[in-house]
PDB file of all heavy atoms in Angstrom:
ATOM      1  N   VAL A   1       4.767   2.713   2.894  1.00  0.00           N
ATOM      2  CA  VAL A   1       3.393   3.107   2.564  1.00  0.00           C
ATOM      3  C   VAL A   1       2.502   1.872   2.493  1.00  0.00           C
ATOM      4  O   VAL A   1       1.345   1.900   2.888  1.00  0.00           O
ATOM      5  CB  VAL A   1       3.350   3.896   1.237  1.00  0.00           C
ATOM      6  CG1 VAL A   1       1.901   4.212   0.862  1.00  0.00           C
ATOM      7  CG2 VAL A   1       4.140   5.189   1.357  1.00  0.00           C
ATOM      8  N   ALA A   2       3.055   0.780   1.985  1.00  0.00           N
ATOM      9  CA  ALA A   2       2.320  -0.487   1.989  1.00  0.00           C
ATOM     10  C   ALA A   2       2.559  -1.171   3.335  1.00  0.00           C
ATOM     11  O   ALA A   2       3.695  -1.468   3.688  1.00  0.00           O
ATOM     12  CB  ALA A   2       2.794  -1.378   0.846  1.00  0.00           C
ATOM     13  N   GLU A   3       1.498  -1.429   4.078  1.00  0.00           N
ATOM     14  CA  GLU A   3       1.666  -2.110   5.361  1.00  0.00           C
ATOM     15  C   GLU A   3       1.712  -3.616   5.177  1.00  0.00           C
ATOM     16  O   GLU A   3       2.186  -4.342   6.060  1.00  0.00           O
ATOM     17  CB  GLU A   3       0.571  -1.713   6.339  1.00  0.00           C
ATOM     18  CG  GLU A   3      -0.845  -2.011   5.887  1.00  0.00           C
ATOM     19  CD  GLU A   3      -1.873  -1.495   6.896  1.00  0.00           C
ATOM     20  OE1 GLU A   3      -1.450  -1.022   7.970  1.00  0.00           O
ATOM     21  OE2 GLU A   3      -3.086  -1.570   6.615  1.00  0.00           O
ATOM     22  N   SER A   4       1.270  -4.110   4.015  1.00  0.00           N
ATOM     23  CA  SER A   4       1.369  -5.538   3.711  1.00  0.00           C
ATOM     24  C   SER A   4       1.226  -5.735   2.206  1.00  0.00           C
ATOM     25  O   SER A   4       0.791  -4.830   1.475  1.00  0.00           O
ATOM     26  CB  SER A   4       0.288  -6.336   4.455  1.00  0.00           C
ATOM     27  OG  SER A   4      -1.013  -5.972   4.006  1.00  0.00           O
ATOM     28  N   TRP A   5       1.591  -6.902   1.738  1.00  0.00           N
ATOM     29  CA  TRP A   5       1.470  -7.233   0.317  1.00  0.00           C
ATOM     30  C   TRP A   5       1.356  -8.741   0.176  1.00  0.00           C
ATOM     31  O   TRP A   5       1.712  -9.501   1.085  1.00  0.00           O
ATOM     32  CB  TRP A   5       2.665  -6.697  -0.484  1.00  0.00           C
ATOM     33  CG  TRP A   5       4.001  -7.129   0.051  1.00  0.00           C
ATOM     34  CD1 TRP A   5       4.746  -8.207  -0.298  1.00  0.00           C
ATOM     35  CD2 TRP A   5       4.757  -6.446   1.057  1.00  0.00           C
ATOM     36  NE1 TRP A   5       5.908  -8.258   0.416  1.00  0.00           N
ATOM     37  CE2 TRP A   5       5.946  -7.192   1.258  1.00  0.00           C
ATOM     38  CE3 TRP A   5       4.558  -5.278   1.813  1.00  0.00           C
ATOM     39  CZ2 TRP A   5       6.928  -6.814   2.181  1.00  0.00           C
ATOM     40  CZ3 TRP A   5       5.528  -4.906   2.733  1.00  0.00           C
ATOM     41  CH2 TRP A   5       6.696  -5.661   2.904  1.00  0.00           C
ATOM     42  N   GLU A   6       0.855  -9.181  -0.966  1.00  0.00           N
ATOM     43  CA  GLU A   6       0.650 -10.608  -1.182  1.00  0.00           C
ATOM     44  C   GLU A   6       0.701 -10.945  -2.662  1.00  0.00           C
ATOM     45  O   GLU A   6       0.454 -10.096  -3.526  1.00  0.00           O
ATOM     46  CB  GLU A   6      -0.696 -11.027  -0.588  1.00  0.00           C
ATOM     47  CG  GLU A   6      -1.878 -10.260  -1.169  1.00  0.00           C
ATOM     48  CD  GLU A   6      -3.148 -10.364  -0.330  1.00  0.00           C
ATOM     49  OE1 GLU A   6      -3.096 -10.004   0.860  1.00  0.00           O
ATOM     50  OE2 GLU A   6      -4.169 -10.807  -0.893  1.00  0.00           O
ATOM     51  N   THR A   7       1.053 -12.188  -2.937  1.00  0.00           N
ATOM     52  CA  THR A   7       1.028 -12.716  -4.294  1.00  0.00           C
ATOM     53  C   THR A   7       0.916 -14.226  -4.204  1.00  0.00           C
ATOM     54  O   THR A   7       1.417 -14.842  -3.255  1.00  0.00           O
ATOM     55  CB  THR A   7       2.279 -12.334  -5.091  1.00  0.00           C
ATOM     56  OG1 THR A   7       2.149 -12.818  -6.438  1.00  0.00           O
ATOM     57  CG2 THR A   7       3.550 -12.929  -4.481  1.00  0.00           C
ATOM     58  N   THR A   8       0.259 -14.825  -5.173  1.00  0.00           N
ATOM     59  CA  THR A   8       0.151 -16.285  -5.218  1.00  0.00           C
ATOM     60  C   THR A   8       0.959 -16.873  -6.365  1.00  0.00           C
ATOM     61  O   THR A   8       1.240 -18.065  -6.377  1.00  0.00           O
ATOM     62  CB  THR A   8      -1.324 -16.717  -5.378  1.00  0.00           C
ATOM     63  OG1 THR A   8      -1.870 -16.122  -6.578  1.00  0.00           O
ATOM     64  CG2 THR A   8      -2.148 -16.271  -4.173  1.00  0.00           C
ATOM     65  N   ASP A   9       1.344 -16.012  -7.310  1.00  0.00           N
ATOM     66  CA  ASP A   9       2.023 -16.525  -8.508  1.00  0.00           C
ATOM     67  C   ASP A   9       3.257 -15.714  -8.901  1.00  0.00           C
ATOM     68  O   ASP A   9       3.854 -15.957  -9.944  1.00  0.00           O
ATOM     69  CB  ASP A   9       1.045 -16.544  -9.690  1.00  0.00           C
ATOM     70  CG  ASP A   9       0.449 -15.170  -9.993  1.00  0.00           C
ATOM     71  OD1 ASP A   9       0.842 -14.185  -9.319  1.00  0.00           O
ATOM     72  OD2 ASP A   9      -0.390 -15.071 -10.899  1.00  0.00           O
ATOM     73  N   HIS A  10       3.662 -14.732  -8.088  1.00  0.00           N
ATOM     74  CA  HIS A  10       4.808 -13.866  -8.377  1.00  0.00           C
ATOM     75  C   HIS A  10       4.610 -13.022  -9.638  1.00  0.00           C
ATOM     76  O   HIS A  10       5.555 -12.423 -10.128  1.00  0.00           O
ATOM     77  CB  HIS A  10       6.091 -14.679  -8.531  1.00  0.00           C
ATOM     78  CG  HIS A  10       6.356 -15.617  -7.401  1.00  0.00           C
ATOM     79  ND1 HIS A  10       6.666 -15.191  -6.135  1.00  0.00           N
ATOM     80  CD2 HIS A  10       6.338 -16.978  -7.354  1.00  0.00           C
ATOM     81  CE1 HIS A  10       6.840 -16.243  -5.346  1.00  0.00           C
ATOM     82  NE2 HIS A  10       6.637 -17.325  -6.049  1.00  0.00           N
ATOM     83  N   GLN A  11       3.386 -12.977 -10.124  1.00  0.00           N
ATOM     84  CA  GLN A  11       3.099 -12.207 -11.342  1.00  0.00           C
ATOM     85  C   GLN A  11       2.062 -11.121 -11.087  1.00  0.00           C
ATOM     86  O   GLN A  11       2.097 -10.069 -11.725  1.00  0.00           O
ATOM     87  CB  GLN A  11       2.623 -13.146 -12.460  1.00  0.00           C
ATOM     88  CG  GLN A  11       2.511 -12.469 -13.810  1.00  0.00           C
ATOM     89  CD  GLN A  11       2.372 -13.443 -14.958  1.00  0.00           C
ATOM     90  OE1 GLN A  11       2.527 -14.657 -14.784  1.00  0.00           O
ATOM     91  NE2 GLN A  11       2.100 -12.948 -16.152  1.00  0.00           N
ATOM     92  N   THR A  12       1.179 -11.366 -10.166  1.00  0.00           N
ATOM     93  CA  THR A  12       0.212 -10.353  -9.747  1.00  0.00           C
ATOM     94  C   THR A  12       0.434 -10.075  -8.267  1.00  0.00           C
ATOM     95  O   THR A  12       0.422 -11.000  -7.441  1.00  0.00           O
ATOM     96  CB  THR A  12      -1.238 -10.830  -9.965  1.00  0.00           C
ATOM     97  OG1 THR A  12      -1.450 -11.088 -11.354  1.00  0.00           O
ATOM     98  CG2 THR A  12      -2.230  -9.769  -9.493  1.00  0.00           C
ATOM     99  N   TYR A  13       0.675  -8.808  -7.947  1.00  0.00           N
ATOM    100  CA  TYR A  13       0.963  -8.407  -6.571  1.00  0.00           C
ATOM    101  C   TYR A  13      -0.109  -7.435  -6.087  1.00  0.00           C
ATOM    102  O   TYR A  13      -0.499  -6.519  -6.817  1.00  0.00           O
ATOM    103  CB  TYR A  13       2.327  -7.730  -6.478  1.00  0.00           C
ATOM    104  CG  TYR A  13       3.500  -8.671  -6.653  1.00  0.00           C
ATOM    105  CD1 TYR A  13       3.958  -9.027  -7.923  1.00  0.00           C
ATOM    106  CD2 TYR A  13       4.167  -9.189  -5.543  1.00  0.00           C
ATOM    107  CE1 TYR A  13       5.040  -9.889  -8.083  1.00  0.00           C
ATOM    108  CE2 TYR A  13       5.254 -10.046  -5.692  1.00  0.00           C
ATOM    109  CZ  TYR A  13       5.682 -10.396  -6.966  1.00  0.00           C
ATOM    110  OH  TYR A  13       6.753 -11.243  -7.117  1.00  0.00           O
ATOM    111  N   ILE A  14      -0.560  -7.652  -4.862  1.00  0.00           N
ATOM    112  CA  ILE A  14      -1.524  -6.757  -4.236  1.00  0.00           C
ATOM    113  C   ILE A  14      -0.855  -6.066  -3.043  1.00  0.00           C
ATOM    114  O   ILE A  14      -0.315  -6.726  -2.151  1.00  0.00           O
ATOM    115  CB  ILE A  14      -2.776  -7.523  -3.740  1.00  0.00           C
ATOM    116  CG1 ILE A  14      -3.475  -8.236  -4.911  1.00  0.00           C
ATOM    117  CG2 ILE A  14      -3.742  -6.561  -3.040  1.00  0.00           C
ATOM    118  CD1 ILE A  14      -4.048  -7.291  -5.962  1.00  0.00           C
ATOM    119  N   PHE A  15      -0.876  -4.742  -3.045  1.00  0.00           N
ATOM    120  CA  PHE A  15      -0.291  -3.957  -1.954  1.00  0.00           C
ATOM    121  C   PHE A  15      -1.413  -3.253  -1.191  1.00  0.00           C
ATOM    122  O   PHE A  15      -2.238  -2.563  -1.802  1.00  0.00           O
ATOM    123  CB  PHE A  15       0.690  -2.924  -2.501  1.00  0.00           C
ATOM    124  CG  PHE A  15       1.892  -3.526  -3.163  1.00  0.00           C
ATOM    125  CD1 PHE A  15       1.885  -3.820  -4.522  1.00  0.00           C
ATOM    126  CD2 PHE A  15       3.031  -3.820  -2.418  1.00  0.00           C
ATOM    127  CE1 PHE A  15       2.998  -4.391  -5.134  1.00  0.00           C
ATOM    128  CE2 PHE A  15       4.146  -4.390  -3.022  1.00  0.00           C
ATOM    129  CZ  PHE A  15       4.123  -4.684  -4.387  1.00  0.00           C
ATOM    130  N   ASN A  16      -1.418  -3.443   0.120  1.00  0.00           N
ATOM    131  CA  ASN A  16      -2.417  -2.810   0.984  1.00  0.00           C
ATOM    132  C   ASN A  16      -1.790  -1.584   1.627  1.00  0.00           C
ATOM    133  O   ASN A  16      -0.883  -1.700   2.460  1.00  0.00           O
ATOM    134  CB  ASN A  16      -2.883  -3.806   2.048  1.00  0.00           C
ATOM    135  CG  ASN A  16      -3.441  -5.074   1.417  1.00  0.00           C
ATOM    136  OD1 ASN A  16      -4.384  -5.018   0.634  1.00  0.00           O
ATOM    137  ND2 ASN A  16      -2.850  -6.218   1.740  1.00  0.00           N
ATOM    138  N   LEU A  17      -2.254  -0.410   1.243  1.00  0.00           N
ATOM    139  CA  LEU A  17      -1.658   0.841   1.699  1.00  0.00           C
ATOM    140  C   LEU A  17      -2.212   1.269   3.055  1.00  0.00           C
ATOM    141  O   LEU A  17      -3.374   0.992   3.381  1.00  0.00           O
ATOM    142  CB  LEU A  17      -1.908   1.953   0.674  1.00  0.00           C
ATOM    143  CG  LEU A  17      -0.953   2.051  -0.523  1.00  0.00           C
ATOM    144  CD1 LEU A  17      -0.883   0.742  -1.300  1.00  0.00           C
ATOM    145  CD2 LEU A  17      -1.364   3.186  -1.439  1.00  0.00           C
ATOM    146  N   ARG A  18      -1.401   1.955   3.819  1.00  0.00           N
ATOM    147  CA  ARG A  18      -1.814   2.466   5.129  1.00  0.00           C
ATOM    148  C   ARG A  18      -2.881   3.541   4.962  1.00  0.00           C
ATOM    149  O   ARG A  18      -2.738   4.443   4.149  1.00  0.00           O
ATOM    150  CB  ARG A  18      -0.619   3.092   5.856  1.00  0.00           C
ATOM    151  CG  ARG A  18       0.515   2.138   6.105  1.00  0.00           C
ATOM    152  CD  ARG A  18       1.660   2.845   6.812  1.00  0.00           C
ATOM    153  NE  ARG A  18       2.794   1.933   6.915  1.00  0.00           N
ATOM    154  CZ  ARG A  18       2.925   1.001   7.863  1.00  0.00           C
ATOM    155  NH1 ARG A  18       1.984   0.881   8.789  1.00  0.00           N
ATOM    156  NH2 ARG A  18       3.978   0.211   7.886  1.00  0.00           N
ATOM    157  N   GLU A  19      -3.891   3.464   5.770  1.00  0.00           N
ATOM    158  CA  GLU A  19      -4.938   4.478   5.700  1.00  0.00           C
ATOM    159  C   GLU A  19      -4.505   5.784   6.339  1.00  0.00           C
ATOM    160  O   GLU A  19      -5.107   6.833   6.089  1.00  0.00           O
ATOM    161  CB  GLU A  19      -6.220   3.945   6.355  1.00  0.00           C
ATOM    162  CG  GLU A  19      -6.824   2.757   5.591  1.00  0.00           C
ATOM    163  CD  GLU A  19      -8.181   2.349   6.120  1.00  0.00           C
ATOM    164  OE1 GLU A  19      -8.706   3.056   7.017  1.00  0.00           O
ATOM    165  OE2 GLU A  19      -8.722   1.331   5.639  1.00  0.00           O
ATOM    166  N   ASP A  20      -3.445   5.729   7.175  1.00  0.00           N
ATOM    167  CA  ASP A  20      -2.982   6.956   7.834  1.00  0.00           C
ATOM    168  C   ASP A  20      -1.792   7.589   7.118  1.00  0.00           C
ATOM    169  O   ASP A  20      -1.187   8.530   7.638  1.00  0.00           O
ATOM    170  CB  ASP A  20      -2.630   6.686   9.291  1.00  0.00           C
ATOM    171  CG  ASP A  20      -1.609   5.564   9.466  1.00  0.00           C
ATOM    172  OD1 ASP A  20      -1.310   4.870   8.484  1.00  0.00           O
ATOM    173  OD2 ASP A  20      -1.117   5.393  10.603  1.00  0.00           O
ATOM    174  N   ALA A  21      -1.440   7.094   5.926  1.00  0.00           N
ATOM    175  CA  ALA A  21      -0.355   7.713   5.160  1.00  0.00           C
ATOM    176  C   ALA A  21      -0.862   9.008   4.537  1.00  0.00           C
ATOM    177  O   ALA A  21      -1.900   9.023   3.869  1.00  0.00           O
ATOM    178  CB  ALA A  21       0.137   6.760   4.082  1.00  0.00           C
ATOM    179  N   LYS A  22      -0.112  10.113   4.746  1.00  0.00           N
ATOM    180  CA  LYS A  22      -0.541  11.414   4.239  1.00  0.00           C
ATOM    181  C   LYS A  22       0.599  12.135   3.526  1.00  0.00           C
ATOM    182  O   LYS A  22       1.773  11.891   3.795  1.00  0.00           O
ATOM    183  CB  LYS A  22      -1.037  12.294   5.395  1.00  0.00           C
ATOM    184  CG  LYS A  22      -2.299  11.808   6.062  1.00  0.00           C
ATOM    185  CD  LYS A  22      -2.743  12.769   7.159  1.00  0.00           C
ATOM    186  CE  LYS A  22      -4.017  12.294   7.819  1.00  0.00           C
ATOM    187  NZ  LYS A  22      -4.470  13.233   8.897  1.00  0.00           N
ATOM    188  N   TRP A  23       0.219  13.042   2.654  1.00  0.00           N
ATOM    189  CA  TRP A  23       1.168  13.969   2.053  1.00  0.00           C
ATOM    190  C   TRP A  23       1.436  15.087   3.046  1.00  0.00           C
ATOM    191  O   TRP A  23       0.651  15.297   3.981  1.00  0.00           O
ATOM    192  CB  TRP A  23       0.610  14.543   0.754  1.00  0.00           C
ATOM    193  CG  TRP A  23       0.483  13.526  -0.343  1.00  0.00           C
ATOM    194  CD1 TRP A  23      -0.637  12.843  -0.706  1.00  0.00           C
ATOM    195  CD2 TRP A  23       1.530  13.074  -1.213  1.00  0.00           C
ATOM    196  NE1 TRP A  23      -0.364  11.985  -1.747  1.00  0.00           N
ATOM    197  CE2 TRP A  23       0.972  12.108  -2.083  1.00  0.00           C
ATOM    198  CE3 TRP A  23       2.880  13.371  -1.344  1.00  0.00           C
ATOM    199  CZ2 TRP A  23       1.695  11.442  -3.062  1.00  0.00           C
ATOM    200  CZ3 TRP A  23       3.625  12.728  -2.327  1.00  0.00           C
ATOM    201  CH2 TRP A  23       3.034  11.778  -3.167  1.00  0.00           C
ATOM    202  N   SER A  24       2.507  15.804   2.845  1.00  0.00           N
ATOM    203  CA  SER A  24       2.879  16.862   3.796  1.00  0.00           C
ATOM    204  C   SER A  24       1.888  18.021   3.811  1.00  0.00           C
ATOM    205  O   SER A  24       1.930  18.864   4.707  1.00  0.00           O
ATOM    206  CB  SER A  24       4.285  17.383   3.490  1.00  0.00           C
ATOM    207  OG  SER A  24       4.394  17.815   2.143  1.00  0.00           O
ATOM    208  N   ASN A  25       0.980  18.079   2.829  1.00  0.00           N
ATOM    209  CA  ASN A  25      -0.058  19.118   2.841  1.00  0.00           C
ATOM    210  C   ASN A  25      -1.360  18.609   3.452  1.00  0.00           C
ATOM    211  O   ASN A  25      -2.364  19.333   3.465  1.00  0.00           O
ATOM    212  CB  ASN A  25      -0.308  19.649   1.429  1.00  0.00           C
ATOM    213  CG  ASN A  25      -0.972  18.615   0.522  1.00  0.00           C
ATOM    214  OD1 ASN A  25      -1.049  17.429   0.864  1.00  0.00           O
ATOM    215  ND2 ASN A  25      -1.436  19.060  -0.636  1.00  0.00           N
ATOM    216  N   GLY A  26      -1.353  17.353   3.933  1.00  0.00           N
ATOM    217  CA  GLY A  26      -2.534  16.800   4.585  1.00  0.00           C
ATOM    218  C   GLY A  26      -3.378  15.884   3.726  1.00  0.00           C
ATOM    219  O   GLY A  26      -4.257  15.180   4.232  1.00  0.00           O
ATOM    220  N   ASP A  27      -3.150  15.855   2.416  1.00  0.00           N
ATOM    221  CA  ASP A  27      -3.901  14.959   1.546  1.00  0.00           C
ATOM    222  C   ASP A  27      -3.545  13.507   1.853  1.00  0.00           C
ATOM    223  O   ASP A  27      -2.395  13.202   2.204  1.00  0.00           O
ATOM    224  CB  ASP A  27      -3.584  15.234   0.076  1.00  0.00           C
ATOM    225  CG  ASP A  27      -4.137  16.552  -0.425  1.00  0.00           C
ATOM    226  OD1 ASP A  27      -4.966  17.157   0.290  1.00  0.00           O
ATOM    227  OD2 ASP A  27      -3.737  16.988  -1.530  1.00  0.00           O
ATOM    228  N   PRO A  28      -4.507  12.587   1.706  1.00  0.00           N
ATOM    229  CA  PRO A  28      -4.185  11.175   1.920  1.00  0.00           C
ATOM    230  C   PRO A  28      -3.335  10.632   0.767  1.00  0.00           C
ATOM    231  O   PRO A  28      -3.458  11.087  -0.381  1.00  0.00           O
ATOM    232  CB  PRO A  28      -5.557  10.501   1.949  1.00  0.00           C
ATOM    233  CG  PRO A  28      -6.432  11.398   1.125  1.00  0.00           C
ATOM    234  CD  PRO A  28      -5.942  12.802   1.403  1.00  0.00           C
TER     235      PRO A  28
END
């Protein structure tokens, strides 16, 4: 679901989620 992630200090992590990821009912 995360297409990329980053951290500079191993304590705060940022995850960039895919915009085309959907639930099976069509919700994003």
